[in-house]
C-alpha atoms as a PDB file:
ATOM      1  CA  MET A   1     227.194 139.726 -85.117  1.00  0.00           C
ATOM      2  CA  HIS A   2     230.205 139.427 -87.133  1.00  0.00           C
ATOM      3  CA  LYS A   3     232.162 141.371 -89.789  1.00  0.00           C
ATOM      4  CA  LEU A   4     234.997 140.540 -91.927  1.00  0.00           C
ATOM      5  CA  VAL A   5     237.750 142.841 -92.576  1.00  0.00           C
ATOM      6  CA  LYS A   6     240.691 142.487 -94.967  1.00  0.00           C
ATOM      7  CA  SER A   7     244.243 143.695 -93.572  1.00  0.00           C
ATOM      8  CA  PRO A   8     246.027 145.937 -95.913  1.00  0.00           C
ATOM      9  CA  ASN A   9     249.444 144.160 -95.990  1.00  0.00           C
ATOM     10  CA  ILE A  10     251.040 140.897 -94.525  1.00  0.00           C
ATOM     11  CA  ASN A  11     252.480 142.769 -91.509  1.00  0.00           C
ATOM     12  CA  ASN A  12     249.034 143.710 -90.369  1.00  0.00           C
ATOM     13  CA  TYR A  13     247.959 140.187 -90.696  1.00  0.00           C
ATOM     14  CA  PHE A  14     250.636 139.010 -88.037  1.00  0.00           C
ATOM     15  CA  LYS A  15     249.830 142.028 -85.707  1.00  0.00           C
ATOM     16  CA  ALA A  16     245.978 141.044 -85.820  1.00  0.00           C
ATOM     17  CA  THR A  17     244.905 139.652 -82.216  1.00  0.00           C
ATOM     18  CA  LYS A  18     241.858 137.679 -81.223  1.00  0.00           C
ATOM     19  CA  GLN A  19     239.702 138.895 -78.354  1.00  0.00           C
ATOM     20  CA  VAL A  20     236.481 137.158 -77.363  1.00  0.00           C
ATOM     21  CA  PHE A  21     233.943 138.880 -75.113  1.00  0.00           C
ATOM     22  CA  GLY A  22     232.019 137.116 -72.274  1.00  0.00           C
ATOM     23  CA  SER A  23     234.372 134.401 -71.609  1.00  0.00           C
ATOM     24  CA  VAL A  24     238.204 134.935 -72.263  1.00  0.00           C
ATOM     25  CA  SER A  25     239.753 138.093 -73.011  1.00  0.00           C
ATOM     26  CA  VAL A  26     243.217 138.847 -74.444  1.00  0.00           C
ATOM     27  CA  GLU A  27     244.832 142.316 -73.850  1.00  0.00           C
ATOM     28  CA  VAL A  28     245.509 144.323 -77.121  1.00  0.00           C
ATOM     29  CA  THR A  29     248.226 146.830 -76.752  1.00  0.00           C
ATOM     30  CA  GLU A  30     249.605 147.717 -80.519  1.00  0.00           C
ATOM     31  CA  PRO A  31     247.646 149.806 -82.664  1.00  0.00           C
ATOM     32  CA  PHE A  32     246.648 148.636 -86.104  1.00  0.00           C
ATOM     33  CA  SER A  33     244.864 149.908 -89.227  1.00  0.00           C
ATOM     34  CA  VAL A  34     241.689 149.113 -91.034  1.00  0.00           C
ATOM     35  CA  LYS A  35     241.073 150.172 -94.480  1.00  0.00           C
ATOM     36  CA  GLY A  36     244.256 152.650 -94.250  1.00  0.00           C
ATOM     37  CA  LYS A  37     242.801 154.126 -90.866  1.00  0.00           C
ATOM     38  CA  ASP A  38     244.633 153.913 -87.605  1.00  0.00           C
ATOM     39  CA  VAL A  39     242.895 152.425 -84.987  1.00  0.00           C
ATOM     40  CA  GLN A  40     243.821 153.248 -81.333  1.00  0.00           C
ATOM     41  CA  VAL A  41     243.290 150.571 -78.876  1.00  0.00           C
ATOM     42  CA  PRO A  42     242.070 152.030 -75.431  1.00  0.00           C
ATOM     43  CA  GLU A  43     243.826 150.938 -72.229  1.00  0.00           C
ATOM     44  CA  SER A  44     242.483 147.863 -70.497  1.00  0.00           C
ATOM     45  CA  PRO A  45     240.184 148.349 -67.654  1.00  0.00           C
ATOM     46  CA  LEU A  46     241.524 147.576 -64.205  1.00  0.00           C
ATOM     47  CA  LYS A  47     238.611 145.067 -63.389  1.00  0.00           C
ATOM     48  CA  LEU A  48     237.841 142.707 -66.492  1.00  0.00           C
ATOM     49  CA  THR A  49     234.216 142.374 -66.288  1.00  0.00           C
ATOM     50  CA  GLU A  50     231.619 141.838 -69.148  1.00  0.00           C
ATOM     51  CA  TYR A  51     230.546 145.405 -68.644  1.00  0.00           C
ATOM     52  CA  SER A  52     233.919 146.954 -68.660  1.00  0.00           C
ATOM     53  CA  ILE A  53     235.074 144.917 -71.636  1.00  0.00           C
ATOM     54  CA  ALA A  54     232.253 145.821 -73.709  1.00  0.00           C
ATOM     55  CA  ALA A  55     232.612 149.402 -72.985  1.00  0.00           C
ATOM     56  CA  SER A  56     236.331 149.393 -73.689  1.00  0.00           C
ATOM     57  CA  ALA A  57     235.733 148.216 -77.068  1.00  0.00           C
ATOM     58  CA  PRO A  58     236.369 150.615 -79.948  1.00  0.00           C
ATOM     59  CA  LYS A  59     233.500 152.491 -81.007  1.00  0.00           C
ATOM     60  CA  GLY A  60     232.484 151.872 -84.672  1.00  0.00           C
ATOM     61  CA  GLN A  61     235.317 149.609 -85.159  1.00  0.00           C
ATOM     62  CA  LEU A  62     235.918 145.871 -84.687  1.00  0.00           C
ATOM     63  CA  LEU A  63     238.923 144.130 -83.391  1.00  0.00           C
ATOM     64  CA  ALA A  64     240.314 141.525 -85.962  1.00  0.00           C
ATOM     65  CA  GLN A  65     241.220 138.030 -85.711  1.00  0.00           C
ATOM     66  CA  ALA A  66     243.371 136.430 -88.556  1.00  0.00           C
ATOM     67  CA  GLY A  67     241.472 133.947 -90.305  1.00  0.00           C
ATOM     68  CA  GLY A  68     243.696 132.973 -93.506  1.00  0.00           C
ATOM     69  CA  PHE A  69     246.922 133.629 -95.041  1.00  0.00           C
ATOM     70  CA  ARG A  70     245.538 136.377 -97.274  1.00  0.00           C
ATOM     71  CA  GLY A  71     244.675 138.334 -94.106  1.00  0.00           C
ATOM     72  CA  VAL A  72     240.865 137.721 -93.756  1.00  0.00           C
ATOM     73  CA  ALA A  73     240.043 138.651 -90.402  1.00  0.00           C
ATOM     74  CA  GLN A  74     236.802 137.592 -88.301  1.00  0.00           C
ATOM     75  CA  VAL A  75     235.442 139.375 -85.015  1.00  0.00           C
ATOM     76  CA  ARG A  76     232.710 137.725 -82.938  1.00  0.00           C
ATOM     77  CA  LEU A  77     230.952 139.364 -80.182  1.00  0.00           C
ATOM     78  CA  ALA A  78     229.571 137.899 -77.133  1.00  0.00           C
ATOM     79  CA  HIS A  79     225.827 138.154 -76.297  1.00  0.00           C
ATOM     80  CA  THR A  80     225.568 138.658 -72.734  1.00  0.00           C
ATOM     81  CA  ASP A  81     221.968 139.633 -72.700  1.00  0.00           C
ATOM     82  CA  VAL A  82     220.360 136.295 -73.306  1.00  0.00           C
ATOM     83  CA  GLN A  83     217.871 135.140 -70.810  1.00  0.00           C
ATOM     84  CA  ILE A  84     218.016 131.875 -69.289  1.00  0.00           C
ATOM     85  CA  PRO A  85     214.732 129.816 -70.049  1.00  0.00           C
ATOM     86  CA  ASP A  86     212.785 128.793 -67.159  1.00  0.00           C
ATOM     87  CA  TYR A  87     212.065 124.942 -67.192  1.00  0.00           C
ATOM     88  CA  ASP A  88     209.938 124.784 -63.939  1.00  0.00           C
ATOM     89  CA  PHE A  89     206.735 123.856 -66.166  1.00  0.00           C
ATOM     90  CA  TYR A  90     208.422 120.615 -67.197  1.00  0.00           C
ATOM     91  CA  ARG A  91     209.888 119.680 -63.796  1.00  0.00           C
ATOM     92  CA  ARG A  92     207.923 117.671 -61.050  1.00  0.00           C
ATOM     93  CA  LYS A  93     206.896 119.479 -58.058  1.00  0.00           C
ATOM     94  CA  GLU A  94     209.022 117.677 -55.778  1.00  0.00           C
ATOM     95  CA  LEU A  95     212.027 118.704 -57.421  1.00  0.00           C
ATOM     96  CA  LYS A  96     211.432 122.616 -58.143  1.00  0.00           C
ATOM     97  CA  ASP A  97     212.742 123.304 -54.486  1.00  0.00           C
ATOM     98  CA  PRO A  98     216.420 123.502 -54.532  1.00  0.00           C
ATOM     99  CA  THR A  99     216.661 122.899 -50.939  1.00  0.00           C
ATOM    100  CA  THR A 100     215.068 119.535 -50.815  1.00  0.00           C
ATOM    101  CA  ASN A 101     216.988 116.464 -51.121  1.00  0.00           C
ATOM    102  CA  SER A 102     215.823 114.659 -54.327  1.00  0.00           C
ATOM    103  CA  ARG A 103     216.273 111.031 -52.846  1.00  0.00           C
ATOM    104  CA  GLU A 104     213.540 111.672 -50.363  1.00  0.00           C
ATOM    105  CA  SER A 105     211.021 111.483 -53.273  1.00  0.00           C
ATOM    106  CA  GLU A 106     212.617 108.891 -55.388  1.00  0.00           C
ATOM    107  CA  ASP A 107     210.492 106.091 -54.569  1.00  0.00           C
ATOM    108  CA  TYR A 108     207.422 108.098 -55.208  1.00  0.00           C
ATOM    109  CA  ARG A 109     208.581 109.383 -58.524  1.00  0.00           C
ATOM    110  CA  LYS A 110     209.698 105.836 -59.674  1.00  0.00           C
ATOM    111  CA  GLY A 111     206.418 104.485 -58.641  1.00  0.00           C
ATOM    112  CA  THR A 112     204.479 106.964 -60.737  1.00  0.00           C
ATOM    113  CA  SER A 113     206.477 106.315 -63.774  1.00  0.00           C
ATOM    114  CA  TYR A 114     205.991 102.442 -63.462  1.00  0.00           C
ATOM    115  CA  ILE A 115     202.198 102.854 -63.110  1.00  0.00           C
ATOM    116  CA  ILE A 116     202.007 105.353 -65.991  1.00  0.00           C
ATOM    117  CA  MET A 117     204.094 102.728 -68.225  1.00  0.00           C
ATOM    118  CA  ALA A 118     201.989  99.834 -66.802  1.00  0.00           C
ATOM    119  CA  ALA A 119     198.747 101.525 -67.939  1.00  0.00           C
ATOM    120  CA  GLY A 120     200.122 102.720 -71.174  1.00  0.00           C
ATOM    121  CA  GLY A 121     201.411  99.065 -71.763  1.00  0.00           C
ATOM    122  CA  LEU A 122     197.858  97.672 -71.090  1.00  0.00           C
ATOM    123  CA  GLY A 123     196.163 100.257 -73.282  1.00  0.00           C
ATOM    124  CA  ALA A 124     198.717  99.336 -76.044  1.00  0.00           C
ATOM    125  CA  ALA A 125     198.171  95.602 -75.598  1.00  0.00           C
ATOM    126  CA  TYR A 126     194.359  95.723 -75.674  1.00  0.00           C
ATOM    127  CA  ALA A 127     194.516  98.043 -78.852  1.00  0.00           C
ATOM    128  CA  ALA A 128     196.819  95.547 -80.656  1.00  0.00           C
ATOM    129  CA  LYS A 129     194.543  92.658 -79.484  1.00  0.00           C
ATOM    130  CA  ASN A 130     191.484  94.465 -81.147  1.00  0.00           C
ATOM    131  CA  SER A 131     193.405  95.350 -84.284  1.00  0.00           C
ATOM    132  CA  VAL A 132     194.443  91.706 -84.760  1.00  0.00           C
ATOM    133  CA  THR A 133     190.963  90.355 -83.790  1.00  0.00           C
ATOM    134  CA  LYS A 134     189.479  92.688 -86.597  1.00  0.00           C
ATOM    135  CA  PHE A 135     192.410  91.671 -89.044  1.00  0.00           C
ATOM    136  CA  VAL A 136     191.831  88.067 -88.653  1.00  0.00           C
ATOM    137  CA  ALA A 137     187.966  88.430 -88.541  1.00  0.00           C
ATOM    138  CA  SER A 138     188.247  90.265 -92.026  1.00  0.00           C
ATOM    139  CA  MET A 139     190.025  87.206 -93.589  1.00  0.00           C
ATOM    140  CA  GLY A 140     187.351  84.778 -92.450  1.00  0.00           C
ATOM    141  CA  ALA A 141     184.321  83.680 -94.300  1.00  0.00           C
ATOM    142  CA  ALA A 142     181.251  86.402 -94.507  1.00  0.00           C
ATOM    143  CA  ALA A 143     177.978  85.523 -92.748  1.00  0.00           C
ATOM    144  CA  ASP A 144     176.269  84.217 -95.916  1.00  0.00           C
ATOM    145  CA  VAL A 145     178.960  81.498 -96.220  1.00  0.00           C
ATOM    146  CA  LEU A 146     178.679  80.713 -92.575  1.00  0.00           C
ATOM    147  CA  ALA A 147     175.207  80.228 -92.709  1.00  0.00           C
ATOM    148  CA  LEU A 148     175.549  77.645 -95.586  1.00  0.00           C
ATOM    149  CA  ALA A 149     178.355  75.770 -93.410  1.00  0.00           C
ATOM    150  CA  LYS A 150     175.748  74.076 -91.524  1.00  0.00           C
ATOM    151  CA  ILE A 151     172.632  72.379 -92.239  1.00  0.00           C
ATOM    152  CA  GLU A 152     169.604  70.941 -89.982  1.00  0.00           C
ATOM    153  CA  VAL A 153     167.926  67.873 -90.818  1.00  0.00           C
ATOM    154  CA  ASN A 154     164.746  67.074 -89.416  1.00  0.00           C
ATOM    155  CA  LEU A 155     165.170  63.017 -88.952  1.00  0.00           C
ATOM    156  CA  SER A 156     161.265  62.659 -88.530  1.00  0.00           C
ATOM    157  CA  GLU A 157     160.560  63.173 -92.153  1.00  0.00           C
ATOM    158  CA  ILE A 158     162.717  60.277 -93.239  1.00  0.00           C
ATOM    159  CA  PRO A 159     161.070  56.830 -92.863  1.00  0.00           C
ATOM    160  CA  GLU A 160     162.796  53.672 -92.025  1.00  0.00           C
ATOM    161  CA  GLY A 161     164.726  51.988 -94.965  1.00  0.00           C
ATOM    162  CA  LYS A 162     164.706  55.209 -96.970  1.00  0.00           C
ATOM    163  CA  ASN A 163     167.341  57.596 -98.022  1.00  0.00           C
ATOM    164  CA  MET A 164     166.908  61.300 -98.559  1.00  0.00           C
ATOM    165  CA  THR A 165     169.470  63.826-100.423  1.00  0.00           C
ATOM    166  CA  PHE A 166     170.266  67.285 -99.179  1.00  0.00           C
ATOM    167  CA  LYS A 167     172.604  69.931-100.365  1.00  0.00           C
ATOM    168  CA  TRP A 168     175.586  70.732 -98.019  1.00  0.00           C
ATOM    169  CA  ARG A 169     178.459  73.070 -98.925  1.00  0.00           C
ATOM    170  CA  GLY A 170     177.642  72.494-102.562  1.00  0.00           C
ATOM    171  CA  LYS A 171     177.826  68.772-102.429  1.00  0.00           C
ATOM    172  CA  PRO A 172     174.915  66.011-102.114  1.00  0.00           C
ATOM    173  CA  LEU A 173     174.348  64.951 -98.593  1.00  0.00           C
ATOM    174  CA  PHE A 174     172.813  61.434 -97.900  1.00  0.00           C
ATOM    175  CA  VAL A 175     170.949  60.948 -94.880  1.00  0.00           C
ATOM    176  CA  ARG A 176     169.703  57.187 -94.441  1.00  0.00           C
ATOM    177  CA  HIS A 177     167.248  55.646 -92.042  1.00  0.00           C
ATOM    178  CA  ARG A 178     168.614  52.116 -91.906  1.00  0.00           C
ATOM    179  CA  THR A 179     166.471  48.975 -90.852  1.00  0.00           C
ATOM    180  CA  GLN A 180     167.477  46.495 -88.136  1.00  0.00           C
ATOM    181  CA  ASP A 181     168.526  44.067 -90.926  1.00  0.00           C
ATOM    182  CA  GLU A 182     170.646  46.142 -92.655  1.00  0.00           C
ATOM    183  CA  ILE A 183     172.380  47.435 -89.186  1.00  0.00           C
ATOM    184  CA  GLN A 184     173.035  43.598 -88.385  1.00  0.00           C
ATOM    185  CA  LYS A 185     174.086  42.720 -91.869  1.00  0.00           C
ATOM    186  CA  GLU A 186     176.698  45.886 -92.139  1.00  0.00           C
ATOM    187  CA  ARG A 187     178.088  44.932 -88.623  1.00  0.00           C
ATOM    188  CA  ALA A 188     178.664  41.314 -89.271  1.00  0.00           C
ATOM    189  CA  VAL A 189     180.832  42.152 -92.183  1.00  0.00           C
ATOM    190  CA  ASN A 190     184.690  41.094 -91.802  1.00  0.00           C
ATOM    191  CA  ILE A 191     186.414  44.282 -92.501  1.00  0.00           C
ATOM    192  CA  THR A 192     189.762  42.551 -92.791  1.00  0.00           C
ATOM    193  CA  GLY A 193     188.918  41.798 -96.383  1.00  0.00           C
ATOM    194  CA  LEU A 194     187.537  45.253 -97.463  1.00  0.00           C
ATOM    195  CA  ARG A 195     189.739  47.731 -99.531  1.00  0.00           C
ATOM    196  CA  ASP A 196     189.127  50.551 -97.092  1.00  0.00           C
ATOM    197  CA  PRO A 197     188.810  48.420 -93.686  1.00  0.00           C
ATOM    198  CA  GLN A 198     186.486  50.597 -91.402  1.00  0.00           C
ATOM    199  CA  PRO A 199     183.841  49.137 -89.001  1.00  0.00           C
ATOM    200  CA  ASP A 200     180.210  50.156 -89.098  1.00  0.00           C
ATOM    201  CA  GLU A 201     180.420  51.539 -85.433  1.00  0.00           C
ATOM    202  CA  ASP A 202     182.819  54.065 -86.587  1.00  0.00           C
ATOM    203  CA  ARG A 203     180.864  55.322 -89.465  1.00  0.00           C
ATOM    204  CA  ALA A 204     177.314  55.654 -87.682  1.00  0.00           C
ATOM    205  CA  THR A 205     177.233  57.066 -84.380  1.00  0.00           C
ATOM    206  CA  LYS A 206     173.544  55.893 -83.955  1.00  0.00           C
ATOM    207  CA  PRO A 207     173.067  52.514 -85.755  1.00  0.00           C
ATOM    208  CA  GLU A 208     169.797  53.532 -87.452  1.00  0.00           C
ATOM    209  CA  TRP A 209     171.166  56.773 -89.060  1.00  0.00           C
ATOM    210  CA  LEU A 210     173.911  56.650 -91.727  1.00  0.00           C
ATOM    211  CA  VAL A 211     175.202  60.121 -92.740  1.00  0.00           C
ATOM    212  CA  LEU A 212     177.392  60.396 -95.981  1.00  0.00           C
ATOM    213  CA  ILE A 213     178.676  62.784 -98.436  1.00  0.00           C
ATOM    214  CA  GLY A 214     177.319  61.727-101.877  1.00  0.00           C
ATOM    215  CA  VAL A 215     180.385  61.996-103.921  1.00  0.00           C
ATOM    216  CA  CYS A 216     182.265  58.955-105.239  1.00  0.00           C
ATOM    217  CA  THR A 217     185.724  58.722-104.078  1.00  0.00           C
ATOM    218  CA  HIS A 218     186.662  57.590-107.720  1.00  0.00           C
ATOM    219  CA  LEU A 219     186.307  60.573-110.076  1.00  0.00           C
ATOM    220  CA  GLY A 220     183.725  62.498-107.998  1.00  0.00           C
ATOM    221  CA  CYS A 221     180.368  61.161-109.573  1.00  0.00           C
ATOM    222  CA  VAL A 222     177.104  61.058-107.523  1.00  0.00           C
ATOM    223  CA  PRO A 223     176.085  57.561-106.651  1.00  0.00           C
ATOM    224  CA  ILE A 224     172.687  56.296-106.622  1.00  0.00           C
ATOM    225  CA  PRO A 225     171.234  55.197-103.293  1.00  0.00           C
ATOM    226  CA  GLY A 226     169.504  52.095-102.551  1.00  0.00           C
ATOM    227  CA  VAL A 227     170.861  49.978-105.635  1.00  0.00           C
ATOM    228  CA  GLY A 228     174.231  48.100-106.434  1.00  0.00           C
ATOM    229  CA  ASP A 229     175.262  44.450-105.593  1.00  0.00           C
ATOM    230  CA  TYR A 230     175.454  45.159-101.700  1.00  0.00           C
ATOM    231  CA  GLY A 231     172.113  47.247-101.588  1.00  0.00           C
ATOM    232  CA  GLY A 232     173.838  50.433-100.626  1.00  0.00           C
ATOM    233  CA  TYR A 233     174.915  52.910-103.370  1.00  0.00           C
ATOM    234  CA  PHE A 234     175.943  52.410-106.821  1.00  0.00           C
ATOM    235  CA  CYS A 235     177.943  54.723-108.939  1.00  0.00           C
ATOM    236  CA  PRO A 236     176.867  54.170-112.819  1.00  0.00           C
ATOM    237  CA  CYS A 237     179.723  56.129-114.175  1.00  0.00           C
ATOM    238  CA  HIS A 238     182.479  53.659-113.582  1.00  0.00           C
ATOM    239  CA  GLY A 239     180.664  50.710-111.494  1.00  0.00           C
ATOM    240  CA  SER A 240     181.606  51.207-107.942  1.00  0.00           C
ATOM    241  CA  HIS A 241     179.430  49.447-105.688  1.00  0.00           C
ATOM    242  CA  TYR A 242     178.966  50.497-101.896  1.00  0.00           C
ATOM    243  CA  ASP A 243     177.152  48.762 -98.996  1.00  0.00           C
ATOM    244  CA  ALA A 244     174.672  50.130 -96.700  1.00  0.00           C
ATOM    245  CA  SER A 245     177.523  51.533 -94.454  1.00  0.00           C
ATOM    246  CA  GLY A 246     178.954  53.521 -97.477  1.00  0.00           C
ATOM    247  CA  ARG A 247     182.123  51.083 -97.594  1.00  0.00           C
ATOM    248  CA  ILE A 248     183.535  50.258-101.118  1.00  0.00           C
ATOM    249  CA  ARG A 249     183.122  46.672-101.869  1.00  0.00           C
ATOM    250  CA  LYS A 250     183.580  46.503-105.793  1.00  0.00           C
ATOM    251  CA  GLY A 251     184.782  48.779-108.527  1.00  0.00           C
ATOM    252  CA  PRO A 252     187.382  51.339-109.209  1.00  0.00           C
ATOM    253  CA  ALA A 253     186.767  53.686-106.145  1.00  0.00           C
ATOM    254  CA  PRO A 254     189.706  53.485-103.695  1.00  0.00           C
ATOM    255  CA  LEU A 255     188.068  54.699-100.458  1.00  0.00           C
ATOM    256  CA  ASN A 256     184.752  54.730 -98.680  1.00  0.00           C
ATOM    257  CA  LEU A 257     182.307  57.429 -98.910  1.00  0.00           C
ATOM    258  CA  GLU A 258     183.153  60.378 -96.685  1.00  0.00           C
ATOM    259  CA  VAL A 259     181.358  60.698 -93.315  1.00  0.00           C
ATOM    260  CA  PRO A 260     180.775  64.724 -92.659  1.00  0.00           C
ATOM    261  CA  PRO A 261     181.149  65.974 -89.151  1.00  0.00           C
ATOM    262  CA  TYR A 262     177.497  65.933 -87.500  1.00  0.00           C
ATOM    263  CA  GLU A 263     175.804  65.895 -84.075  1.00  0.00           C
ATOM    264  CA  TYR A 264     172.490  65.207 -82.675  1.00  0.00           C
ATOM    265  CA  THR A 265     170.766  67.952 -80.803  1.00  0.00           C
ATOM    266  CA  SER A 266     167.743  65.865 -80.171  1.00  0.00           C
ATOM    267  CA  ASP A 267     166.136  62.622 -81.002  1.00  0.00           C
ATOM    268  CA  THR A 268     164.649  64.073 -84.297  1.00  0.00           C
ATOM    269  CA  THR A 269     167.160  66.805 -85.020  1.00  0.00           C
ATOM    270  CA  LEU A 270     170.501  66.491 -86.858  1.00  0.00           C
ATOM    271  CA  ILE A 271     173.089  69.315 -87.466  1.00  0.00           C
ATOM    272  CA  VAL A 272     175.623  68.643 -90.128  1.00  0.00           C
ATOM    273  CA  GLY A 273     178.760  70.892 -90.210  1.00  0.00           C
END
């Protein structure tokens, strides 16, 4: 609660005296005037208490404090009826008793805090792991795309000496059932004279089965199986000749035909991809 009062003249400005209720009090002895009316200051009580100071304040008038050169005065009255809030609801039960030493329950309180922090940390880590997993999974291939990522080939349907073409990831896939003569011929080749030297053992896990991607390494054409100067594959676009191991032997192609990743799940089943 406050009230602003202007002193009528400069003399009253210097006579204005500060008085704060509830903490520090200064005795006011000289009378002063407010709005042309004289204000009599009562005598100070013998015992300066909050009640006695409040009772001795002028009724209907306010004691002034100079607030500027023009004589603006301000008075602030202390509020002594404010109730101190009760914080026992937020305190731990071990600390509510003022006669108990807090060090006796320090280890228990710290242990409780550490357990809560550890449980919260584990929960946060688990939630973060799930969020990251879902985010990474959303960036992966869809189920229909993953279904096309692998292809299963029934080897029992391919007769010896023949080649069958399948479609894998939008590319032609050559699966050749080689004869023993073809196997011996390709493994006897001196690879030091080849453009892209690679032994036949590294290109065929099982000697009788050759698995290749049917895309010419020159300009991406599709070679024709079973023809060419070396009895393997021939690209009619620019005249690249491959042998029965898919190695480039003649023509502009710089590299051998690519061998895709594959595995045998049984004697008659091949999984490519």
